[in-house]
C-alpha atoms as a PDB file:
ATOM      1  CA  UNK A   1      -7.985  -7.812   5.323  1.00  0.00           C
ATOM      2  CA  UNK A   2      -7.271  -4.640   7.187  1.00  0.00           C
ATOM      3  CA  UNK A   3      -5.040  -1.636   5.941  1.00  0.00           C
ATOM      4  CA  UNK A   4      -4.217   1.677   7.669  1.00  0.00           C
ATOM      5  CA  UNK A   5      -5.567   3.403  10.874  1.00  0.00           C
ATOM      6  CA  UNK A   6      -4.257   3.556  14.407  1.00  0.00           C
ATOM      7  CA  UNK A   7      -3.418   0.381  16.218  1.00  0.00           C
ATOM      8  CA  UNK A   8      -6.326   0.592  18.330  1.00  0.00           C
ATOM      9  CA  UNK A   9      -8.583   1.147  15.356  1.00  0.00           C
ATOM     10  CA  UNK A  10      -7.239  -1.666  13.292  1.00  0.00           C
ATOM     11  CA  UNK A  11      -8.105  -4.188  16.397  1.00  0.00           C
ATOM     12  CA  UNK A  12     -11.370  -2.519  17.121  1.00  0.00           C
ATOM     13  CA  UNK A  13     -12.190  -3.497  13.354  1.00  0.00           C
ATOM     14  CA  UNK A  14     -10.963  -6.890  13.637  1.00  0.00           C
ATOM     15  CA  UNK A  15     -12.490  -7.693  16.535  1.00  0.00           C
ATOM     16  CA  UNK A  16     -15.843  -6.469  14.628  1.00  0.00           C
ATOM     17  CA  UNK A  17     -15.388  -8.340  11.834  1.00  0.00           C
ATOM     18  CA  UNK A  18     -14.349 -11.823  13.552  1.00  0.00           C
ATOM     19  CA  UNK A  19     -17.571 -11.552  15.923  1.00  0.00           C
ATOM     20  CA  UNK A  20     -19.638 -11.428  12.938  1.00  0.00           C
ATOM     21  CA  UNK A  21     -18.038 -14.924  11.504  1.00  0.00           C
ATOM     22  CA  UNK A  22     -15.626 -13.206   8.916  1.00  0.00           C
ATOM     23  CA  UNK A  23     -11.938 -14.120   8.400  1.00  0.00           C
ATOM     24  CA  UNK A  24      -9.342 -11.594   8.637  1.00  0.00           C
ATOM     25  CA  UNK A  25      -6.515 -12.877   6.782  1.00  0.00           C
ATOM     26  CA  UNK A  26      -3.893 -10.011   7.406  1.00  0.00           C
ATOM     27  CA  UNK A  27      -3.629  -6.562   9.385  1.00  0.00           C
ATOM     28  CA  UNK A  28      -1.258  -4.078   7.919  1.00  0.00           C
ATOM     29  CA  UNK A  29      -0.376  -0.571   8.625  1.00  0.00           C
ATOM     30  CA  UNK A  30       0.483   1.086   5.320  1.00  0.00           C
ATOM     31  CA  UNK A  31      -0.202   1.339   1.748  1.00  0.00           C
ATOM     32  CA  UNK A  32       2.842  -0.365   0.577  1.00  0.00           C
ATOM     33  CA  UNK A  33       2.329  -3.376   2.561  1.00  0.00           C
ATOM     34  CA  UNK A  34      -1.503  -3.545   1.512  1.00  0.00           C
ATOM     35  CA  UNK A  35      -1.072  -4.451  -1.775  1.00  0.00           C
ATOM     36  CA  UNK A  36       1.760  -6.911  -1.154  1.00  0.00           C
ATOM     37  CA  UNK A  37      -0.883  -8.389   1.526  1.00  0.00           C
ATOM     38  CA  UNK A  38      -3.514  -8.875  -0.863  1.00  0.00           C
ATOM     39  CA  UNK A  39      -2.054 -10.232  -3.377  1.00  0.00           C
ATOM     40  CA  UNK A  40      -0.430 -12.792  -0.991  1.00  0.00           C
ATOM     41  CA  UNK A  41      -3.279 -13.697   0.951  1.00  0.00           C
ATOM     42  CA  UNK A  42      -5.804 -13.698  -2.156  1.00  0.00           C
ATOM     43  CA  UNK A  43      -8.251 -11.174   0.227  1.00  0.00           C
ATOM     44  CA  UNK A  44     -11.489 -11.445  -0.821  1.00  0.00           C
ATOM     45  CA  UNK A  45     -12.424  -7.686   0.460  1.00  0.00           C
ATOM     46  CA  UNK A  46      -9.372  -4.869   1.847  1.00  0.00           C
ATOM     47  CA  UNK A  47     -10.682  -2.307   4.412  1.00  0.00           C
ATOM     48  CA  UNK A  48      -8.190   0.705   3.365  1.00  0.00           C
ATOM     49  CA  UNK A  49      -8.258   3.401   6.434  1.00  0.00           C
ATOM     50  CA  UNK A  50      -8.993   6.820   4.808  1.00  0.00           C
ATOM     51  CA  UNK A  51      -5.661   8.118   6.225  1.00  0.00           C
ATOM     52  CA  UNK A  52      -3.542   5.272   5.712  1.00  0.00           C
ATOM     53  CA  UNK A  53       0.310   6.228   5.514  1.00  0.00           C
ATOM     54  CA  UNK A  54       1.176   6.223   2.230  1.00  0.00           C
ATOM     55  CA  UNK A  55      -1.862   7.884   0.614  1.00  0.00           C
ATOM     56  CA  UNK A  56      -5.381   6.341   0.582  1.00  0.00           C
ATOM     57  CA  UNK A  57      -5.881   6.740  -3.114  1.00  0.00           C
ATOM     58  CA  UNK A  58      -2.198   5.264  -3.561  1.00  0.00           C
ATOM     59  CA  UNK A  59      -3.072   2.256  -1.890  1.00  0.00           C
ATOM     60  CA  UNK A  60      -6.338   1.665  -3.505  1.00  0.00           C
ATOM     61  CA  UNK A  61      -5.090   1.911  -6.801  1.00  0.00           C
ATOM     62  CA  UNK A  62      -1.591  -0.187  -5.770  1.00  0.00           C
ATOM     63  CA  UNK A  63      -4.216  -2.776  -4.289  1.00  0.00           C
ATOM     64  CA  UNK A  64      -6.412  -2.930  -7.319  1.00  0.00           C
ATOM     65  CA  UNK A  65      -3.437  -3.372  -9.808  1.00  0.00           C
ATOM     66  CA  UNK A  66      -1.653  -6.278  -7.763  1.00  0.00           C
ATOM     67  CA  UNK A  67      -4.789  -7.910  -6.467  1.00  0.00           C
ATOM     68  CA  UNK A  68      -7.689  -7.073  -9.056  1.00  0.00           C
ATOM     69  CA  UNK A  69      -9.938  -9.741  -7.418  1.00  0.00           C
ATOM     70  CA  UNK A  70     -10.403  -7.977  -4.034  1.00  0.00           C
ATOM     71  CA  UNK A  71     -13.005  -5.649  -3.369  1.00  0.00           C
ATOM     72  CA  UNK A  72     -11.491  -2.269  -2.187  1.00  0.00           C
ATOM     73  CA  UNK A  73     -13.397  -0.378   0.576  1.00  0.00           C
ATOM     74  CA  UNK A  74     -12.220   2.791   1.871  1.00  0.00           C
ATOM     75  CA  UNK A  75     -13.195   3.322   5.635  1.00  0.00           C
ATOM     76  CA  UNK A  76     -13.601   6.943   6.645  1.00  0.00           C
ATOM     77  CA  UNK A  77     -14.791   8.784   9.445  1.00  0.00           C
ATOM     78  CA  UNK A  78     -17.422  10.302   7.818  1.00  0.00           C
ATOM     79  CA  UNK A  79     -18.674  10.761   4.084  1.00  0.00           C
ATOM     80  CA  UNK A  80     -16.452  13.288   2.392  1.00  0.00           C
ATOM     81  CA  UNK A  81     -17.130  13.827  -1.189  1.00  0.00           C
ATOM     82  CA  UNK A  82     -13.899  14.825  -2.694  1.00  0.00           C
ATOM     83  CA  UNK A  83     -12.516  11.640  -1.091  1.00  0.00           C
ATOM     84  CA  UNK A  84     -15.465   9.399  -2.010  1.00  0.00           C
ATOM     85  CA  UNK A  85     -15.122  10.525  -5.675  1.00  0.00           C
ATOM     86  CA  UNK A  86     -10.981  10.001  -5.908  1.00  0.00           C
ATOM     87  CA  UNK A  87     -11.562   6.454  -4.397  1.00  0.00           C
ATOM     88  CA  UNK A  88     -13.623   5.410  -6.589  1.00  0.00           C
ATOM     89  CA  UNK A  89     -11.710   6.650  -9.392  1.00  0.00           C
ATOM     90  CA  UNK A  90      -8.821   4.591  -8.335  1.00  0.00           C
ATOM     91  CA  UNK A  91     -10.827   1.552  -8.130  1.00  0.00           C
ATOM     92  CA  UNK A  92     -12.393   1.156  -4.858  1.00  0.00           C
ATOM     93  CA  UNK A  93     -15.749  -0.679  -4.867  1.00  0.00           C
ATOM     94  CA  UNK A  94     -17.205   1.286  -1.960  1.00  0.00           C
ATOM     95  CA  UNK A  95     -16.611   4.095   0.583  1.00  0.00           C
ATOM     96  CA  UNK A  96     -17.590   3.178   3.940  1.00  0.00           C
ATOM     97  CA  UNK A  97     -18.400   6.450   6.514  1.00  0.00           C
ATOM     98  CA  UNK A  98     -17.667   4.869  10.564  1.00  0.00           C
ATOM     99  CA  UNK A  99     -21.028   6.540  11.361  1.00  0.00           C
ATOM    100  CA  UNK A 100     -22.569   3.405  10.094  1.00  0.00           C
ATOM    101  CA  UNK A 101     -21.103   1.301  13.144  1.00  0.00           C
ATOM    102  CA  UNK A 102     -19.675  -2.053  13.694  1.00  0.00           C
ATOM    103  CA  UNK A 103     -22.947  -3.854  12.233  1.00  0.00           C
ATOM    104  CA  UNK A 104     -22.626  -1.309   9.533  1.00  0.00           C
ATOM    105  CA  UNK A 105     -18.960  -2.262   8.708  1.00  0.00           C
ATOM    106  CA  UNK A 106     -19.732  -6.103   9.022  1.00  0.00           C
ATOM    107  CA  UNK A 107     -22.753  -5.897   6.688  1.00  0.00           C
ATOM    108  CA  UNK A 108     -20.422  -3.811   3.946  1.00  0.00           C
ATOM    109  CA  UNK A 109     -18.015  -6.362   4.204  1.00  0.00           C
ATOM    110  CA  UNK A 110     -20.469  -9.212   3.268  1.00  0.00           C
ATOM    111  CA  UNK A 111     -22.234  -7.525   0.694  1.00  0.00           C
ATOM    112  CA  UNK A 112     -18.740  -6.701  -1.005  1.00  0.00           C
ATOM    113  CA  UNK A 113     -17.732 -10.161  -0.657  1.00  0.00           C
ATOM    114  CA  UNK A 114     -21.178 -10.394  -2.638  1.00  0.00           C
ATOM    115  CA  UNK A 115     -19.914  -8.785  -5.461  1.00  0.00           C
ATOM    116  CA  UNK A 116     -21.879  -5.869  -4.810  1.00  0.00           C
ATOM    117  CA  UNK A 117     -20.835  -1.944  -4.542  1.00  0.00           C
ATOM    118  CA  UNK A 118     -20.922  -0.470  -0.850  1.00  0.00           C
ATOM    119  CA  UNK A 119     -21.883   3.368  -1.327  1.00  0.00           C
ATOM    120  CA  UNK A 120     -24.421   4.653   1.226  1.00  0.00           C
ATOM    121  CA  UNK A 121     -27.277   7.002  -0.086  1.00  0.00           C
ATOM    122  CA  UNK A 122     -25.440  10.313   0.270  1.00  0.00           C
ATOM    123  CA  UNK A 123     -22.786   8.845  -1.661  1.00  0.00           C
ATOM    124  CA  UNK A 124     -24.950   7.548  -4.723  1.00  0.00           C
ATOM    125  CA  UNK A 125     -26.167  11.169  -4.671  1.00  0.00           C
ATOM    126  CA  UNK A 126     -22.666  12.578  -5.074  1.00  0.00           C
ATOM    127  CA  UNK A 127     -21.563  10.492  -7.984  1.00  0.00           C
ATOM    128  CA  UNK A 128     -24.963  10.879  -9.551  1.00  0.00           C
ATOM    129  CA  UNK A 129     -23.992  14.643  -9.619  1.00  0.00           C
ATOM    130  CA  UNK A 130     -20.665  13.891 -10.781  1.00  0.00           C
ATOM    131  CA  UNK A 131     -22.213  12.416 -13.890  1.00  0.00           C
ATOM    132  CA  UNK A 132     -24.446  14.650 -14.602  1.00  0.00           C
ATOM    133  CA  UNK A 133     -21.399  17.416 -14.407  1.00  0.00           C
ATOM    134  CA  UNK A 134     -22.743  19.270 -11.201  1.00  0.00           C
ATOM    135  CA  UNK A 135     -20.096  18.304  -8.958  1.00  0.00           C
ATOM    136  CA  UNK A 136     -18.997  21.832  -9.013  1.00  0.00           C
ATOM    137  CA  UNK A 137     -20.573  25.045  -8.889  1.00  0.00           C
ATOM    138  CA  UNK A 138     -19.937  29.064  -9.794  1.00  0.00           C
ATOM    139  CA  UNK A 139     -20.846  31.777  -6.741  1.00  0.00           C
ATOM    140  CA  UNK A 140     -19.133  34.747  -5.578  1.00  0.00           C
ATOM    141  CA  UNK A 141     -17.537  34.872  -2.033  1.00  0.00           C
ATOM    142  CA  UNK A 142     -16.710  38.857  -1.242  1.00  0.00           C
ATOM    143  CA  UNK A 143     -17.335  39.700  -4.868  1.00  0.00           C
ATOM    144  CA  UNK A 144     -14.855  37.515  -6.460  1.00  0.00           C
ATOM    145  CA  UNK A 145     -16.024  34.543  -8.817  1.00  0.00           C
ATOM    146  CA  UNK A 146     -15.027  31.349  -7.337  1.00  0.00           C
ATOM    147  CA  UNK A 147     -15.997  27.780  -8.253  1.00  0.00           C
ATOM    148  CA  UNK A 148     -16.590  25.397  -5.335  1.00  0.00           C
ATOM    149  CA  UNK A 149     -17.813  21.885  -4.885  1.00  0.00           C
ATOM    150  CA  UNK A 150     -20.879  20.904  -4.106  1.00  0.00           C
ATOM    151  CA  UNK A 151     -19.964  20.380  -0.286  1.00  0.00           C
ATOM    152  CA  UNK A 152     -18.299  23.777  -0.623  1.00  0.00           C
ATOM    153  CA  UNK A 153     -21.217  25.398  -1.736  1.00  0.00           C
ATOM    154  CA  UNK A 154     -23.343  23.480   0.611  1.00  0.00           C
ATOM    155  CA  UNK A 155     -21.408  24.775   3.982  1.00  0.00           C
ATOM    156  CA  UNK A 156     -21.142  28.036   2.334  1.00  0.00           C
ATOM    157  CA  UNK A 157     -24.791  28.731   1.641  1.00  0.00           C
ATOM    158  CA  UNK A 158     -25.223  27.405   5.603  1.00  0.00           C
ATOM    159  CA  UNK A 159     -22.605  29.937   6.827  1.00  0.00           C
ATOM    160  CA  UNK A 160     -24.381  32.682   5.048  1.00  0.00           C
ATOM    161  CA  UNK A 161     -27.612  32.104   6.563  1.00  0.00           C
ATOM    162  CA  UNK A 162     -25.671  32.660   9.981  1.00  0.00           C
ATOM    163  CA  UNK A 163     -24.928  28.949  11.042  1.00  0.00           C
ATOM    164  CA  UNK A 164     -22.028  28.178  13.090  1.00  0.00           C
ATOM    165  CA  UNK A 165     -19.135  25.719  11.900  1.00  0.00           C
ATOM    166  CA  UNK A 166     -20.462  23.341  14.819  1.00  0.00           C
ATOM    167  CA  UNK A 167     -24.319  23.464  13.683  1.00  0.00           C
ATOM    168  CA  UNK A 168     -23.147  23.063   9.572  1.00  0.00           C
ATOM    169  CA  UNK A 169     -21.038  20.250  10.835  1.00  0.00           C
ATOM    170  CA  UNK A 170     -24.334  18.540  12.593  1.00  0.00           C
ATOM    171  CA  UNK A 171     -26.593  19.203   9.765  1.00  0.00           C
ATOM    172  CA  UNK A 172     -24.528  17.545   7.290  1.00  0.00           C
ATOM    173  CA  UNK A 173     -23.298  15.052   9.517  1.00  0.00           C
ATOM    174  CA  UNK A 174     -19.476  16.197   8.898  1.00  0.00           C
ATOM    175  CA  UNK A 175     -17.235  16.663  11.886  1.00  0.00           C
ATOM    176  CA  UNK A 176     -16.625  20.279  13.010  1.00  0.00           C
ATOM    177  CA  UNK A 177     -12.752  20.444  11.643  1.00  0.00           C
ATOM    178  CA  UNK A 178     -14.035  18.994   8.037  1.00  0.00           C
ATOM    179  CA  UNK A 179     -16.320  22.438   7.909  1.00  0.00           C
ATOM    180  CA  UNK A 180     -13.727  24.584   8.889  1.00  0.00           C
ATOM    181  CA  UNK A 181     -11.181  22.951   6.674  1.00  0.00           C
ATOM    182  CA  UNK A 182     -13.692  23.371   3.639  1.00  0.00           C
ATOM    183  CA  UNK A 183     -14.457  27.097   4.946  1.00  0.00           C
ATOM    184  CA  UNK A 184     -10.267  27.562   4.691  1.00  0.00           C
ATOM    185  CA  UNK A 185     -10.511  26.081   1.187  1.00  0.00           C
ATOM    186  CA  UNK A 186     -13.228  28.386   0.089  1.00  0.00           C
ATOM    187  CA  UNK A 187     -11.306  31.415   1.685  1.00  0.00           C
ATOM    188  CA  UNK A 188      -8.145  30.335   0.125  1.00  0.00           C
ATOM    189  CA  UNK A 189     -10.304  30.134  -3.548  1.00  0.00           C
ATOM    190  CA  UNK A 190     -11.383  33.980  -2.908  1.00  0.00           C
ATOM    191  CA  UNK A 191      -8.074  35.310  -2.307  1.00  0.00           C
ATOM    192  CA  UNK A 192      -6.808  33.306  -5.581  1.00  0.00           C
ATOM    193  CA  UNK A 193      -9.454  34.799  -7.520  1.00  0.00           C
ATOM    194  CA  UNK A 194      -9.010  38.566  -6.318  1.00  0.00           C
ATOM    195  CA  UNK A 195      -5.673  38.138  -7.198  1.00  0.00           C
ATOM    196  CA  UNK A 196      -6.278  37.342 -10.574  1.00  0.00           C
ATOM    197  CA  UNK A 197      -8.444  40.162 -11.415  1.00  0.00           C
ATOM    198  CA  UNK A 198      -5.338  42.698 -11.924  1.00  0.00           C
ATOM    199  CA  UNK A 199      -3.781  40.167 -14.321  1.00  0.00           C
ATOM    200  CA  UNK A 200      -7.179  40.189 -16.420  1.00  0.00           C
ATOM    201  CA  UNK A 201      -7.205  43.777 -16.671  1.00  0.00           C
ATOM    202  CA  UNK A 202      -4.098  44.204 -17.476  1.00  0.00           C
ATOM    203  CA  UNK A 203      -4.002  41.751 -20.088  1.00  0.00           C
ATOM    204  CA  UNK A 204      -7.095  43.524 -21.758  1.00  0.00           C
ATOM    205  CA  UNK A 205      -5.914  46.777 -21.510  1.00  0.00           C
END
């Protein structure tokens, strides 16, 4: 079953799966319809677009509650650590970056139908870091102590080395937009940290 994503994107995924010998039982546009359809059609696997209207995490949670026998796979433009962790916590059985291509998508569905989880090697590393408690790192940005996610820390380290957002995106297999979004998040955390400093000094004086 397909859930969310632009109409042309869903049509392309539908075509890929059918050509691979898989049967698509339903194709729905949003999170609310996804849970109901998954239960109604007893879907074996539900592909949830990361940008599904109503929210990806909400969609995953609803589907798992209404159709617990269905394996939910989140399909995203790229591997994003925060999205991966949130999806798995909500009950997703896998996270599929579109960079795997058409054959990778079909293979992911087949693996999920066999009862296995579908996580790329980079995704597995993210989950291991989370279990070890290394999903965040403490660093300093413009003299202010800031707690960053591993992805943010990776990007900041490369940015400090003089790499451009485009170069960082290429090396980490991300989009330029995603890199800039993470840099903006780091800048925001640094500003918030600086604003907290006077409060701490006043409270200890």
